[in-house]
């Protein structure tokens, strides 16, 4: 007599949904974060990036909202990747 066990495993991990950042996106995030630590506002950071000739990842001039969005989305992404899911 043969015995078989059938079961299903469900495994959730955020690492399977890891979008890769380009080197330029990483550079922008690090630059904005460093400037933010010095006490600059997002508008001041945008002005500085524009003066240095940097563009947004889509090739436009920076605004304060662009700089804020880059930092905000990176924080959300990092939080999502650090989240642990309970086993089911």
PDB file of N, CA and C in Angstrom:
ATOM      1  N   UNK A   1       0.839  -1.174   0.000  1.00  0.00           N
ATOM      2  CA  UNK A   1       0.000   0.000   0.000  1.00  0.00           C
ATOM      3  C   UNK A   1       0.894   1.250   0.000  1.00  0.00           C
ATOM      4  N   UNK A   2       0.627   2.152  -0.948  1.00  0.00           N
ATOM      5  CA  UNK A   2       1.387   3.409  -1.044  1.00  0.00           C
ATOM      6  C   UNK A   2       0.665   4.512  -0.280  1.00  0.00           C
ATOM      7  N   UNK A   3       1.462   5.382   0.334  1.00  0.00           N
ATOM      8  CA  UNK A   3       0.904   6.521   1.064  1.00  0.00           C
ATOM      9  C   UNK A   3       1.452   7.798   0.441  1.00  0.00           C
ATOM     10  N   UNK A   4       0.569   8.739   0.196  1.00  0.00           N
ATOM     11  CA  UNK A   4       0.960  10.022  -0.382  1.00  0.00           C
ATOM     12  C   UNK A   4       0.514  11.154   0.521  1.00  0.00           C
ATOM     13  N   UNK A   5       1.352  12.151   0.610  1.00  0.00           N
ATOM     14  CA  UNK A   5       0.994  13.366   1.323  1.00  0.00           C
ATOM     15  C   UNK A   5       0.962  14.496   0.307  1.00  0.00           C
ATOM     16  N   UNK A   6      -0.119  15.215   0.276  1.00  0.00           N
ATOM     17  CA  UNK A   6      -0.247  16.374  -0.611  1.00  0.00           C
ATOM     18  C   UNK A   6      -0.426  17.617   0.248  1.00  0.00           C
ATOM     19  N   UNK A   7       0.336  18.614  -0.051  1.00  0.00           N
ATOM     20  CA  UNK A   7       0.213  19.856   0.705  1.00  0.00           C
ATOM     21  C   UNK A   7       0.602  21.022  -0.189  1.00  0.00           C
ATOM     22  N   UNK A   8       0.194  22.205   0.244  1.00  0.00           N
ATOM     23  CA  UNK A   8       0.475  23.432  -0.484  1.00  0.00           C
ATOM     24  C   UNK A   8       1.230  24.379   0.439  1.00  0.00           C
ATOM     25  N   UNK A   9       2.277  24.994  -0.082  1.00  0.00           N
ATOM     26  CA  UNK A   9       3.041  25.967   0.675  1.00  0.00           C
ATOM     27  C   UNK A   9       2.825  27.334   0.039  1.00  0.00           C
ATOM     28  N   UNK A  10       2.466  28.282   0.873  1.00  0.00           N
ATOM     29  CA  UNK A  10       2.328  29.658   0.420  1.00  0.00           C
ATOM     30  C   UNK A  10       3.382  30.478   1.145  1.00  0.00           C
ATOM     31  N   UNK A  11       4.241  31.118   0.381  1.00  0.00           N
ATOM     32  CA  UNK A  11       5.338  31.889   0.964  1.00  0.00           C
ATOM     33  C   UNK A  11       5.284  33.305   0.412  1.00  0.00           C
ATOM     34  N   UNK A  12       5.188  34.288   1.309  1.00  0.00           N
ATOM     35  CA  UNK A  12       5.138  35.689   0.881  1.00  0.00           C
ATOM     36  C   UNK A  12       6.416  36.386   1.294  1.00  0.00           C
ATOM     37  N   UNK A  13       7.010  37.073   0.372  1.00  0.00           N
ATOM     38  CA  UNK A  13       8.198  37.855   0.664  1.00  0.00           C
ATOM     39  C   UNK A  13       8.234  39.070  -0.254  1.00  0.00           C
ATOM     40  N   UNK A  14       8.618  40.216   0.267  1.00  0.00           N
ATOM     41  CA  UNK A  14       8.691  41.398  -0.592  1.00  0.00           C
ATOM     42  C   UNK A  14       9.883  41.361  -1.547  1.00  0.00           C
ATOM     43  N   UNK A  15      10.832  40.484  -1.306  1.00  0.00           N
ATOM     44  CA  UNK A  15      12.022  40.448  -2.149  1.00  0.00           C
ATOM     45  C   UNK A  15      11.724  40.017  -3.583  1.00  0.00           C
ATOM     46  N   UNK A  16      10.583  39.394  -3.799  1.00  0.00           N
ATOM     47  CA  UNK A  16      10.223  38.980  -5.154  1.00  0.00           C
ATOM     48  C   UNK A  16       9.719  40.160  -5.986  1.00  0.00           C
ATOM     49  N   UNK A  17       9.390  41.258  -5.314  1.00  0.00           N
ATOM     50  CA  UNK A  17       8.843  42.426  -5.996  1.00  0.00           C
ATOM     51  C   UNK A  17       9.828  43.581  -5.968  1.00  0.00           C
ATOM     52  N   UNK A  18      11.094  43.297  -5.997  1.00  0.00           N
ATOM     53  CA  UNK A  18      12.121  44.311  -5.819  1.00  0.00           C
ATOM     54  C   UNK A  18      12.452  45.008  -7.141  1.00  0.00           C
ATOM     55  N   UNK A  19      11.908  46.204  -7.359  1.00  0.00           N
ATOM     56  CA  UNK A  19      12.284  46.934  -8.567  1.00  0.00           C
ATOM     57  C   UNK A  19      13.682  47.511  -8.396  1.00  0.00           C
ATOM     58  N   UNK A  20      14.455  47.478  -9.422  1.00  0.00           N
ATOM     59  CA  UNK A  20      15.822  47.970  -9.351  1.00  0.00           C
ATOM     60  C   UNK A  20      15.869  49.453  -9.688  1.00  0.00           C
ATOM     61  N   UNK A  21      16.660  50.181  -8.941  1.00  0.00           N
ATOM     62  CA  UNK A  21      16.868  51.592  -9.218  1.00  0.00           C
ATOM     63  C   UNK A  21      18.057  51.728 -10.156  1.00  0.00           C
ATOM     64  N   UNK A  22      17.984  52.684 -11.047  1.00  0.00           N
ATOM     65  CA  UNK A  22      19.123  52.945 -11.909  1.00  0.00           C
ATOM     66  C   UNK A  22      20.193  53.666 -11.071  1.00  0.00           C
ATOM     67  N   UNK A  23      21.395  53.719 -11.590  1.00  0.00           N
ATOM     68  CA  UNK A  23      22.475  54.416 -10.885  1.00  0.00           C
ATOM     69  C   UNK A  23      22.127  55.895 -10.706  1.00  0.00           C
ATOM     70  N   UNK A  24      21.471  56.474 -11.693  1.00  0.00           N
ATOM     71  CA  UNK A  24      21.106  57.886 -11.615  1.00  0.00           C
ATOM     72  C   UNK A  24      20.054  58.124 -10.531  1.00  0.00           C
ATOM     73  N   UNK A  25      19.058  57.236 -10.447  1.00  0.00           N
ATOM     74  CA  UNK A  25      18.042  57.365  -9.407  1.00  0.00           C
ATOM     75  C   UNK A  25      18.670  57.229  -8.021  1.00  0.00           C
ATOM     76  N   UNK A  26      19.596  56.301  -7.888  1.00  0.00           N
ATOM     77  CA  UNK A  26      20.296  56.120  -6.622  1.00  0.00           C
ATOM     78  C   UNK A  26      21.105  57.372  -6.279  1.00  0.00           C
ATOM     79  N   UNK A  27      21.786  57.927  -7.280  1.00  0.00           N
ATOM     80  CA  UNK A  27      22.557  59.150  -7.083  1.00  0.00           C
ATOM     81  C   UNK A  27      21.655  60.290  -6.611  1.00  0.00           C
ATOM     82  N   UNK A  28      20.506  60.456  -7.263  1.00  0.00           N
ATOM     83  CA  UNK A  28      19.592  61.535  -6.883  1.00  0.00           C
ATOM     84  C   UNK A  28      19.101  61.358  -5.452  1.00  0.00           C
ATOM     85  N   UNK A  29      18.730  60.144  -5.084  1.00  0.00           N
ATOM     86  CA  UNK A  29      18.244  59.894  -3.735  1.00  0.00           C
ATOM     87  C   UNK A  29      19.322  60.234  -2.701  1.00  0.00           C
ATOM     88  N   UNK A  30      20.533  59.763  -2.930  1.00  0.00           N
ATOM     89  CA  UNK A  30      21.626  60.023  -1.986  1.00  0.00           C
ATOM     90  C   UNK A  30      21.943  61.512  -1.899  1.00  0.00           C
ATOM     91  N   UNK A  31      21.960  62.193  -3.044  1.00  0.00           N
ATOM     92  CA  UNK A  31      22.255  63.623  -3.073  1.00  0.00           C
ATOM     93  C   UNK A  31      21.179  64.407  -2.327  1.00  0.00           C
ATOM     94  N   UNK A  32      19.924  64.112  -2.595  1.00  0.00           N
ATOM     95  CA  UNK A  32      18.822  64.817  -1.934  1.00  0.00           C
ATOM     96  C   UNK A  32      18.850  64.551  -0.440  1.00  0.00           C
ATOM     97  N   UNK A  33      19.117  63.314  -0.051  1.00  0.00           N
ATOM     98  CA  UNK A  33      19.171  62.974   1.374  1.00  0.00           C
ATOM     99  C   UNK A  33      20.286  63.729   2.088  1.00  0.00           C
ATOM    100  N   UNK A  34      21.462  63.806   1.458  1.00  0.00           N
ATOM    101  CA  UNK A  34      22.585  64.529   2.063  1.00  0.00           C
ATOM    102  C   UNK A  34      22.270  66.019   2.199  1.00  0.00           C
ATOM    103  N   UNK A  35      21.679  66.592   1.158  1.00  0.00           N
ATOM    104  CA  UNK A  35      21.329  68.008   1.220  1.00  0.00           C
ATOM    105  C   UNK A  35      20.241  68.268   2.256  1.00  0.00           C
ATOM    106  N   UNK A  36      19.342  67.331   2.396  1.00  0.00           N
ATOM    107  CA  UNK A  36      18.259  67.451   3.380  1.00  0.00           C
ATOM    108  C   UNK A  36      18.837  67.430   4.800  1.00  0.00           C
ATOM    109  N   UNK A  37      19.862  66.607   5.017  1.00  0.00           N
ATOM    110  CA  UNK A  37      20.498  66.528   6.336  1.00  0.00           C
ATOM    111  C   UNK A  37      21.197  67.834   6.715  1.00  0.00           C
ATOM    112  N   UNK A  38      21.604  68.616   5.706  1.00  0.00           N
ATOM    113  CA  UNK A  38      22.248  69.900   5.990  1.00  0.00           C
ATOM    114  C   UNK A  38      21.224  70.978   6.337  1.00  0.00           C
ATOM    115  N   UNK A  39      19.936  70.655   6.232  1.00  0.00           N
ATOM    116  CA  UNK A  39      18.894  71.592   6.630  1.00  0.00           C
ATOM    117  C   UNK A  39      18.213  72.322   5.491  1.00  0.00           C
ATOM    118  N   UNK A  40      18.512  71.955   4.248  1.00  0.00           N
ATOM    119  CA  UNK A  40      17.874  72.619   3.109  1.00  0.00           C
ATOM    120  C   UNK A  40      16.442  72.120   2.931  1.00  0.00           C
ATOM    121  N   UNK A  41      15.579  72.993   2.434  1.00  0.00           N
ATOM    122  CA  UNK A  41      14.218  72.590   2.107  1.00  0.00           C
ATOM    123  C   UNK A  41      14.234  71.902   0.744  1.00  0.00           C
ATOM    124  N   UNK A  42      13.130  71.257   0.411  1.00  0.00           N
ATOM    125  CA  UNK A  42      13.058  70.571  -0.882  1.00  0.00           C
ATOM    126  C   UNK A  42      13.130  71.565  -2.037  1.00  0.00           C
ATOM    127  N   UNK A  43      12.567  72.745  -1.868  1.00  0.00           N
ATOM    128  CA  UNK A  43      12.657  73.759  -2.926  1.00  0.00           C
ATOM    129  C   UNK A  43      14.101  74.222  -3.121  1.00  0.00           C
ATOM    130  N   UNK A  44      14.827  74.405  -2.040  1.00  0.00           N
ATOM    131  CA  UNK A  44      16.230  74.800  -2.141  1.00  0.00           C
ATOM    132  C   UNK A  44      17.070  73.699  -2.786  1.00  0.00           C
ATOM    133  N   UNK A  45      16.752  72.459  -2.442  1.00  0.00           N
ATOM    134  CA  UNK A  45      17.450  71.318  -3.056  1.00  0.00           C
ATOM    135  C   UNK A  45      17.184  71.282  -4.552  1.00  0.00           C
ATOM    136  N   UNK A  46      15.932  71.508  -4.938  1.00  0.00           N
ATOM    137  CA  UNK A  46      15.571  71.512  -6.359  1.00  0.00           C
ATOM    138  C   UNK A  46      16.329  72.603  -7.107  1.00  0.00           C
ATOM    139  N   UNK A  47      16.415  73.776  -6.511  1.00  0.00           N
ATOM    140  CA  UNK A  47      17.149  74.876  -7.141  1.00  0.00           C
ATOM    141  C   UNK A  47      18.620  74.514  -7.319  1.00  0.00           C
ATOM    142  N   UNK A  48      19.189  73.870  -6.310  1.00  0.00           N
ATOM    143  CA  UNK A  48      20.594  73.491  -6.388  1.00  0.00           C
ATOM    144  C   UNK A  48      20.824  72.428  -7.468  1.00  0.00           C
ATOM    145  N   UNK A  49      19.939  71.450  -7.536  1.00  0.00           N
ATOM    146  CA  UNK A  49      20.072  70.404  -8.557  1.00  0.00           C
ATOM    147  C   UNK A  49      19.933  70.991  -9.959  1.00  0.00           C
ATOM    148  N   UNK A  50      18.989  71.911 -10.125  1.00  0.00           N
ATOM    149  CA  UNK A  50      18.814  72.560 -11.430  1.00  0.00           C
ATOM    150  C   UNK A  50      20.049  73.385 -11.791  1.00  0.00           C
ATOM    151  N   UNK A  51      20.631  74.077 -10.811  1.00  0.00           N
ATOM    152  CA  UNK A  51      21.825  74.896 -11.063  1.00  0.00           C
ATOM    153  C   UNK A  51      23.014  74.024 -11.474  1.00  0.00           C
ATOM    154  N   UNK A  52      23.062  72.800 -10.965  1.00  0.00           N
ATOM    155  CA  UNK A  52      24.147  71.875 -11.309  1.00  0.00           C
ATOM    156  C   UNK A  52      23.876  71.141 -12.627  1.00  0.00           C
ATOM    157  N   UNK A  53      22.697  71.369 -13.209  1.00  0.00           N
ATOM    158  CA  UNK A  53      22.382  70.771 -14.497  1.00  0.00           C
ATOM    159  C   UNK A  53      21.755  69.391 -14.421  1.00  0.00           C
ATOM    160  N   UNK A  54      21.334  68.979 -13.241  1.00  0.00           N
ATOM    161  CA  UNK A  54      20.688  67.672 -13.112  1.00  0.00           C
ATOM    162  C   UNK A  54      19.218  67.780 -13.496  1.00  0.00           C
ATOM    163  N   UNK A  55      18.712  66.720 -14.069  1.00  0.00           N
ATOM    164  CA  UNK A  55      17.296  66.635 -14.443  1.00  0.00           C
ATOM    165  C   UNK A  55      16.644  65.516 -13.657  1.00  0.00           C
ATOM    166  N   UNK A  56      15.314  65.497 -13.642  1.00  0.00           N
ATOM    167  CA  UNK A  56      14.587  64.398 -13.012  1.00  0.00           C
ATOM    168  C   UNK A  56      14.840  63.137 -13.841  1.00  0.00           C
ATOM    169  N   UNK A  57      14.501  61.967 -13.324  1.00  0.00           N
ATOM    170  CA  UNK A  57      14.691  60.743 -14.120  1.00  0.00           C
ATOM    171  C   UNK A  57      13.958  60.768 -15.467  1.00  0.00           C
ATOM    172  N   UNK A  58      12.934  61.613 -15.577  1.00  0.00           N
ATOM    173  CA  UNK A  58      12.212  61.734 -16.851  1.00  0.00           C
ATOM    174  C   UNK A  58      12.678  62.917 -17.690  1.00  0.00           C
ATOM    175  N   UNK A  59      13.768  63.557 -17.259  1.00  0.00           N
ATOM    176  CA  UNK A  59      14.376  64.604 -18.071  1.00  0.00           C
ATOM    177  C   UNK A  59      13.816  65.999 -17.905  1.00  0.00           C
ATOM    178  N   UNK A  60      13.097  66.272 -16.817  1.00  0.00           N
ATOM    179  CA  UNK A  60      12.520  67.597 -16.603  1.00  0.00           C
ATOM    180  C   UNK A  60      13.302  68.351 -15.536  1.00  0.00           C
ATOM    181  N   UNK A  61      13.000  69.645 -15.407  1.00  0.00           N
ATOM    182  CA  UNK A  61      13.607  70.444 -14.353  1.00  0.00           C
ATOM    183  C   UNK A  61      13.025  70.036 -13.002  1.00  0.00           C
ATOM    184  N   UNK A  62      13.853  70.119 -11.975  1.00  0.00           N
ATOM    185  CA  UNK A  62      13.408  69.750 -10.635  1.00  0.00           C
ATOM    186  C   UNK A  62      12.520  70.819 -10.022  1.00  0.00           C
ATOM    187  N   UNK A  63      11.548  70.358  -9.240  1.00  0.00           N
ATOM    188  CA  UNK A  63      10.772  71.224  -8.353  1.00  0.00           C
ATOM    189  C   UNK A  63      10.901  70.613  -6.960  1.00  0.00           C
ATOM    190  N   UNK A  64      10.431  71.338  -5.962  1.00  0.00           N
ATOM    191  CA  UNK A  64      10.472  70.807  -4.607  1.00  0.00           C
ATOM    192  C   UNK A  64       9.667  69.525  -4.481  1.00  0.00           C
ATOM    193  N   UNK A  65       8.572  69.459  -5.228  1.00  0.00           N
ATOM    194  CA  UNK A  65       7.728  68.259  -5.182  1.00  0.00           C
ATOM    195  C   UNK A  65       8.463  67.043  -5.752  1.00  0.00           C
ATOM    196  N   UNK A  66       9.267  67.243  -6.783  1.00  0.00           N
ATOM    197  CA  UNK A  66      10.037  66.137  -7.348  1.00  0.00           C
ATOM    198  C   UNK A  66      11.012  65.584  -6.312  1.00  0.00           C
ATOM    199  N   UNK A  67      11.730  66.482  -5.661  1.00  0.00           N
ATOM    200  CA  UNK A  67      12.716  66.068  -4.661  1.00  0.00           C
ATOM    201  C   UNK A  67      12.032  65.332  -3.513  1.00  0.00           C
ATOM    202  N   UNK A  68      10.913  65.869  -3.048  1.00  0.00           N
ATOM    203  CA  UNK A  68      10.170  65.225  -1.959  1.00  0.00           C
ATOM    204  C   UNK A  68       9.674  63.851  -2.383  1.00  0.00           C
ATOM    205  N   UNK A  69       9.178  63.741  -3.582  1.00  0.00           N
ATOM    206  CA  UNK A  69       8.642  62.479  -4.075  1.00  0.00           C
ATOM    207  C   UNK A  69       9.716  61.391  -4.155  1.00  0.00           C
ATOM    208  N   UNK A  70      10.903  61.764  -4.569  1.00  0.00           N
ATOM    209  CA  UNK A  70      11.997  60.789  -4.675  1.00  0.00           C
ATOM    210  C   UNK A  70      12.317  60.209  -3.301  1.00  0.00           C
ATOM    211  N   UNK A  71      12.401  61.074  -2.296  1.00  0.00           N
ATOM    212  CA  UNK A  71      12.709  60.612  -0.941  1.00  0.00           C
ATOM    213  C   UNK A  71      11.543  59.795  -0.379  1.00  0.00           C
ATOM    214  N   UNK A  72      10.338  60.281  -0.569  1.00  0.00           N
ATOM    215  CA  UNK A  72       9.148  59.607  -0.026  1.00  0.00           C
ATOM    216  C   UNK A  72       8.986  58.206  -0.610  1.00  0.00           C
ATOM    217  N   UNK A  73       9.103  58.096  -1.921  1.00  0.00           N
ATOM    218  CA  UNK A  73       8.916  56.789  -2.565  1.00  0.00           C
ATOM    219  C   UNK A  73      10.015  55.812  -2.175  1.00  0.00           C
ATOM    220  N   UNK A  74      11.223  56.309  -1.972  1.00  0.00           N
ATOM    221  CA  UNK A  74      12.311  55.427  -1.545  1.00  0.00           C
ATOM    222  C   UNK A  74      12.054  54.895  -0.134  1.00  0.00           C
ATOM    223  N   UNK A  75      11.559  55.758   0.749  1.00  0.00           N
ATOM    224  CA  UNK A  75      11.238  55.321   2.123  1.00  0.00           C
ATOM    225  C   UNK A  75      10.139  54.266   2.112  1.00  0.00           C
ATOM    226  N   UNK A  76       9.121  54.478   1.304  1.00  0.00           N
ATOM    227  CA  UNK A  76       8.028  53.499   1.193  1.00  0.00           C
ATOM    228  C   UNK A  76       8.571  52.171   0.683  1.00  0.00           C
ATOM    229  N   UNK A  77       9.428  52.237  -0.315  1.00  0.00           N
ATOM    230  CA  UNK A  77      10.020  51.013  -0.889  1.00  0.00           C
ATOM    231  C   UNK A  77      10.852  50.279   0.156  1.00  0.00           C
ATOM    232  N   UNK A  78      11.681  51.011   0.895  1.00  0.00           N
ATOM    233  CA  UNK A  78      12.522  50.385   1.914  1.00  0.00           C
ATOM    234  C   UNK A  78      11.685  49.757   3.023  1.00  0.00           C
ATOM    235  N   UNK A  79      10.615  50.456   3.431  1.00  0.00           N
ATOM    236  CA  UNK A  79       9.733  49.894   4.457  1.00  0.00           C
ATOM    237  C   UNK A  79       9.076  48.609   3.969  1.00  0.00           C
ATOM    238  N   UNK A  80       8.684  48.601   2.716  1.00  0.00           N
ATOM    239  CA  UNK A  80       8.032  47.423   2.147  1.00  0.00           C
ATOM    240  C   UNK A  80       8.992  46.228   2.083  1.00  0.00           C
ATOM    241  N   UNK A  81      10.244  46.503   1.747  1.00  0.00           N
ATOM    242  CA  UNK A  81      11.221  45.428   1.650  1.00  0.00           C
ATOM    243  C   UNK A  81      11.626  44.887   3.017  1.00  0.00           C
ATOM    244  N   UNK A  82      11.519  45.707   4.057  1.00  0.00           N
ATOM    245  CA  UNK A  82      11.885  45.270   5.397  1.00  0.00           C
ATOM    246  C   UNK A  82      10.741  44.553   6.113  1.00  0.00           C
ATOM    247  N   UNK A  83       9.536  44.666   5.596  1.00  0.00           N
ATOM    248  CA  UNK A  83       8.362  44.073   6.230  1.00  0.00           C
ATOM    249  C   UNK A  83       8.481  42.552   6.231  1.00  0.00           C
ATOM    250  N   UNK A  84       8.097  41.988   7.342  1.00  0.00           N
ATOM    251  CA  UNK A  84       8.098  40.537   7.440  1.00  0.00           C
ATOM    252  C   UNK A  84       6.662  40.042   7.444  1.00  0.00           C
ATOM    253  N   UNK A  85       6.411  39.008   6.712  1.00  0.00           N
ATOM    254  CA  UNK A  85       5.085  38.430   6.636  1.00  0.00           C
ATOM    255  C   UNK A  85       5.002  37.201   7.524  1.00  0.00           C
ATOM    256  N   UNK A  86       3.900  37.056   8.246  1.00  0.00           N
ATOM    257  CA  UNK A  86       3.752  35.851   9.088  1.00  0.00           C
ATOM    258  C   UNK A  86       3.532  34.619   8.221  1.00  0.00           C
ATOM    259  N   UNK A  87       4.039  33.479   8.671  1.00  0.00           N
ATOM    260  CA  UNK A  87       3.804  32.257   7.898  1.00  0.00           C
ATOM    261  C   UNK A  87       2.324  31.886   7.891  1.00  0.00           C
ATOM    262  N   UNK A  88       1.878  31.333   6.793  1.00  0.00           N
ATOM    263  CA  UNK A  88       0.476  30.935   6.652  1.00  0.00           C
ATOM    264  C   UNK A  88       0.386  29.430   6.732  1.00  0.00           C
TER     265      UNK A  88
END
